[in-house]
Amino acid sequence: MGLHLIAGGAGFIGVNLARALLDDGHEVLVFDDLSRGSYEAMGSLVQHNGFTFRQVDCSDPEAVD
């Protein structure tokens, strides 16, 4: 399977998309600045081996690099 990047992955849609991808055997990398979502919203996803979270503002090219 592949690696998928979800920008804004700590929000409602991002969390559910990440869960679906992980359930299908994909790896998921989530970028979120937590300005609207929350770390707690990701719940058990953070324990999943295929899940990686980075607190980063995607509009900042240096941070994403």
N, C-alpha and C. Protein backbone atom coordinates (compact mmCIF):
# COMPACT_ATOMS: atom_id res chain seq x y z
N MET A 1 0.84 -1.18 0.00
CA MET A 1 0.00 0.00 0.00
C MET A 1 0.88 1.24 0.00
N GLY A 2 0.27 2.40 -0.03
CA GLY A 2 1.04 3.63 -0.15
C GLY A 2 0.98 4.50 1.08
N LEU A 3 1.77 5.56 1.02
CA LEU A 3 1.78 6.58 2.06
C LEU A 3 0.93 7.75 1.59
N HIS A 4 0.05 8.23 2.44
CA HIS A 4 -0.85 9.33 2.10
C HIS A 4 -0.64 10.48 3.08
N LEU A 5 -0.53 11.70 2.54
CA LEU A 5 -0.42 12.90 3.35
C LEU A 5 -1.79 13.55 3.45
N ILE A 6 -2.21 13.83 4.67
CA ILE A 6 -3.47 14.54 4.90
C ILE A 6 -3.14 15.86 5.58
N ALA A 7 -3.34 16.95 4.86
CA ALA A 7 -3.14 18.28 5.43
C ALA A 7 -4.42 18.67 6.15
N GLY A 8 -4.30 19.08 7.39
CA GLY A 8 -5.50 19.38 8.19
C GLY A 8 -6.12 18.11 8.72
N GLY A 9 -5.29 17.13 8.99
CA GLY A 9 -5.77 15.81 9.38
C GLY A 9 -6.29 15.66 10.79
N ALA A 10 -6.24 16.71 11.61
CA ALA A 10 -6.74 16.62 12.98
C ALA A 10 -8.18 17.10 13.10
N GLY A 11 -8.79 17.45 11.99
CA GLY A 11 -10.19 17.86 11.98
C GLY A 11 -11.10 16.67 11.71
N PHE A 12 -12.39 16.90 11.70
CA PHE A 12 -13.38 15.83 11.56
C PHE A 12 -13.17 15.02 10.29
N ILE A 13 -13.06 15.69 9.15
CA ILE A 13 -12.92 14.98 7.87
C ILE A 13 -11.56 14.28 7.82
N GLY A 14 -10.51 14.96 8.23
CA GLY A 14 -9.18 14.38 8.19
C GLY A 14 -9.05 13.13 9.04
N VAL A 15 -9.61 13.16 10.23
CA VAL A 15 -9.54 12.01 11.13
C VAL A 15 -10.27 10.81 10.52
N ASN A 16 -11.44 11.05 9.95
CA ASN A 16 -12.19 9.94 9.36
C ASN A 16 -11.52 9.41 8.10
N LEU A 17 -10.91 10.28 7.31
CA LEU A 17 -10.17 9.85 6.13
C LEU A 17 -8.95 9.04 6.56
N ALA A 18 -8.23 9.51 7.56
CA ALA A 18 -7.07 8.78 8.06
C ALA A 18 -7.47 7.39 8.56
N ARG A 19 -8.55 7.32 9.30
CA ARG A 19 -9.02 6.03 9.83
C ARG A 19 -9.34 5.06 8.69
N ALA A 20 -10.03 5.55 7.66
CA ALA A 20 -10.39 4.69 6.53
C ALA A 20 -9.14 4.20 5.80
N LEU A 21 -8.18 5.08 5.60
CA LEU A 21 -6.94 4.68 4.92
C LEU A 21 -6.16 3.67 5.75
N LEU A 22 -6.05 3.89 7.05
CA LEU A 22 -5.36 2.95 7.92
C LEU A 22 -6.06 1.59 7.93
N ASP A 23 -7.38 1.60 7.96
CA ASP A 23 -8.15 0.36 7.94
C ASP A 23 -7.92 -0.42 6.65
N ASP A 24 -7.60 0.30 5.57
CA ASP A 24 -7.33 -0.35 4.28
C ASP A 24 -5.87 -0.73 4.11
N GLY A 25 -5.06 -0.52 5.14
CA GLY A 25 -3.66 -0.94 5.11
C GLY A 25 -2.66 0.09 4.63
N HIS A 26 -3.10 1.33 4.47
CA HIS A 26 -2.21 2.40 4.03
C HIS A 26 -1.48 3.01 5.22
N GLU A 27 -0.39 3.71 4.92
CA GLU A 27 0.28 4.54 5.91
C GLU A 27 -0.23 5.96 5.75
N VAL A 28 -0.31 6.69 6.86
CA VAL A 28 -0.86 8.04 6.83
C VAL A 28 0.07 8.99 7.57
N LEU A 29 0.37 10.11 6.91
CA LEU A 29 1.13 11.20 7.51
C LEU A 29 0.20 12.40 7.60
N VAL A 30 -0.02 12.90 8.81
CA VAL A 30 -0.93 14.02 9.02
C VAL A 30 -0.13 15.26 9.38
N PHE A 31 -0.39 16.34 8.64
CA PHE A 31 0.13 17.67 8.96
C PHE A 31 -1.05 18.50 9.45
N ASP A 32 -0.91 19.14 10.59
CA ASP A 32 -1.96 20.02 11.08
C ASP A 32 -1.33 21.00 12.06
N ASP A 33 -1.78 22.25 12.02
CA ASP A 33 -1.26 23.24 12.97
C ASP A 33 -2.11 23.30 14.24
N LEU A 34 -3.15 22.51 14.28
CA LEU A 34 -4.05 22.39 15.44
C LEU A 34 -4.79 23.70 15.74
N SER A 35 -4.93 24.56 14.74
CA SER A 35 -5.67 25.80 14.96
C SER A 35 -7.18 25.57 14.96
N ARG A 36 -7.61 24.51 14.29
CA ARG A 36 -9.05 24.18 14.27
C ARG A 36 -9.32 22.77 14.75
N GLY A 37 -8.43 21.85 14.46
CA GLY A 37 -8.57 20.48 14.94
C GLY A 37 -7.89 20.34 16.29
N SER A 38 -7.83 19.11 16.78
CA SER A 38 -7.16 18.90 18.06
C SER A 38 -6.45 17.55 18.05
N TYR A 39 -5.39 17.48 18.83
CA TYR A 39 -4.64 16.23 18.97
C TYR A 39 -5.55 15.14 19.53
N GLU A 40 -6.40 15.52 20.46
CA GLU A 40 -7.32 14.56 21.10
C GLU A 40 -8.30 13.96 20.09
N ALA A 41 -8.67 14.73 19.07
CA ALA A 41 -9.63 14.24 18.06
C ALA A 41 -9.08 13.04 17.31
N MET A 42 -7.76 12.92 17.25
CA MET A 42 -7.16 11.79 16.53
C MET A 42 -7.22 10.51 17.34
N GLY A 43 -7.47 10.63 18.63
CA GLY A 43 -7.70 9.48 19.50
C GLY A 43 -6.73 8.33 19.30
N SER A 44 -7.27 7.16 19.03
CA SER A 44 -6.47 5.94 18.91
C SER A 44 -5.62 5.90 17.65
N LEU A 45 -5.84 6.82 16.71
CA LEU A 45 -5.03 6.82 15.49
C LEU A 45 -3.55 7.01 15.81
N VAL A 46 -3.25 7.80 16.83
CA VAL A 46 -1.85 8.09 17.15
C VAL A 46 -1.11 6.84 17.63
N GLN A 47 -1.83 5.82 18.04
CA GLN A 47 -1.23 4.56 18.48
C GLN A 47 -0.97 3.60 17.33
N HIS A 48 -1.54 3.87 16.17
CA HIS A 48 -1.44 2.98 15.02
C HIS A 48 -0.03 3.05 14.43
N ASN A 49 0.54 1.89 14.09
CA ASN A 49 1.90 1.84 13.54
C ASN A 49 2.04 2.59 12.22
N GLY A 50 0.99 2.67 11.43
CA GLY A 50 1.06 3.32 10.13
C GLY A 50 0.74 4.79 10.16
N PHE A 51 0.59 5.36 11.35
CA PHE A 51 0.16 6.75 11.50
C PHE A 51 1.30 7.62 12.03
N THR A 52 1.51 8.76 11.37
CA THR A 52 2.51 9.74 11.83
C THR A 52 1.85 11.11 11.84
N PHE A 53 2.06 11.85 12.91
CA PHE A 53 1.52 13.21 13.04
C PHE A 53 2.66 14.20 13.17
N ARG A 54 2.54 15.32 12.44
CA ARG A 54 3.47 16.43 12.57
C ARG A 54 2.67 17.71 12.75
N GLN A 55 2.94 18.43 13.83
CA GLN A 55 2.28 19.72 14.04
C GLN A 55 3.03 20.76 13.23
N VAL A 56 2.43 21.17 12.13
CA VAL A 56 3.08 22.08 11.20
C VAL A 56 2.03 22.90 10.47
N ASP A 57 2.38 24.13 10.14
CA ASP A 57 1.52 25.00 9.34
C ASP A 57 1.87 24.74 7.87
N CYS A 58 0.96 24.17 7.13
CA CYS A 58 1.22 23.80 5.73
C CYS A 58 1.45 24.99 4.82
N SER A 59 1.13 26.19 5.27
CA SER A 59 1.38 27.37 4.45
C SER A 59 2.81 27.89 4.62
N ASP A 60 3.57 27.26 5.51
CA ASP A 60 4.96 27.64 5.75
C ASP A 60 5.88 26.66 5.02
N PRO A 61 6.44 27.06 3.86
CA PRO A 61 7.25 26.14 3.06
C PRO A 61 8.45 25.58 3.81
N GLU A 62 9.06 26.36 4.68
CA GLU A 62 10.21 25.87 5.44
C GLU A 62 9.81 24.78 6.43
N ALA A 63 8.66 24.92 7.03
CA ALA A 63 8.20 23.93 8.01
C ALA A 63 7.85 22.61 7.32
N VAL A 64 7.29 22.70 6.14
CA VAL A 64 6.88 21.49 5.41
C VAL A 64 8.08 20.78 4.82
N ASP A 65 9.11 21.54 4.47
CA ASP A 65 10.30 20.98 3.85
C ASP A 65 10.96 20.01 4.80
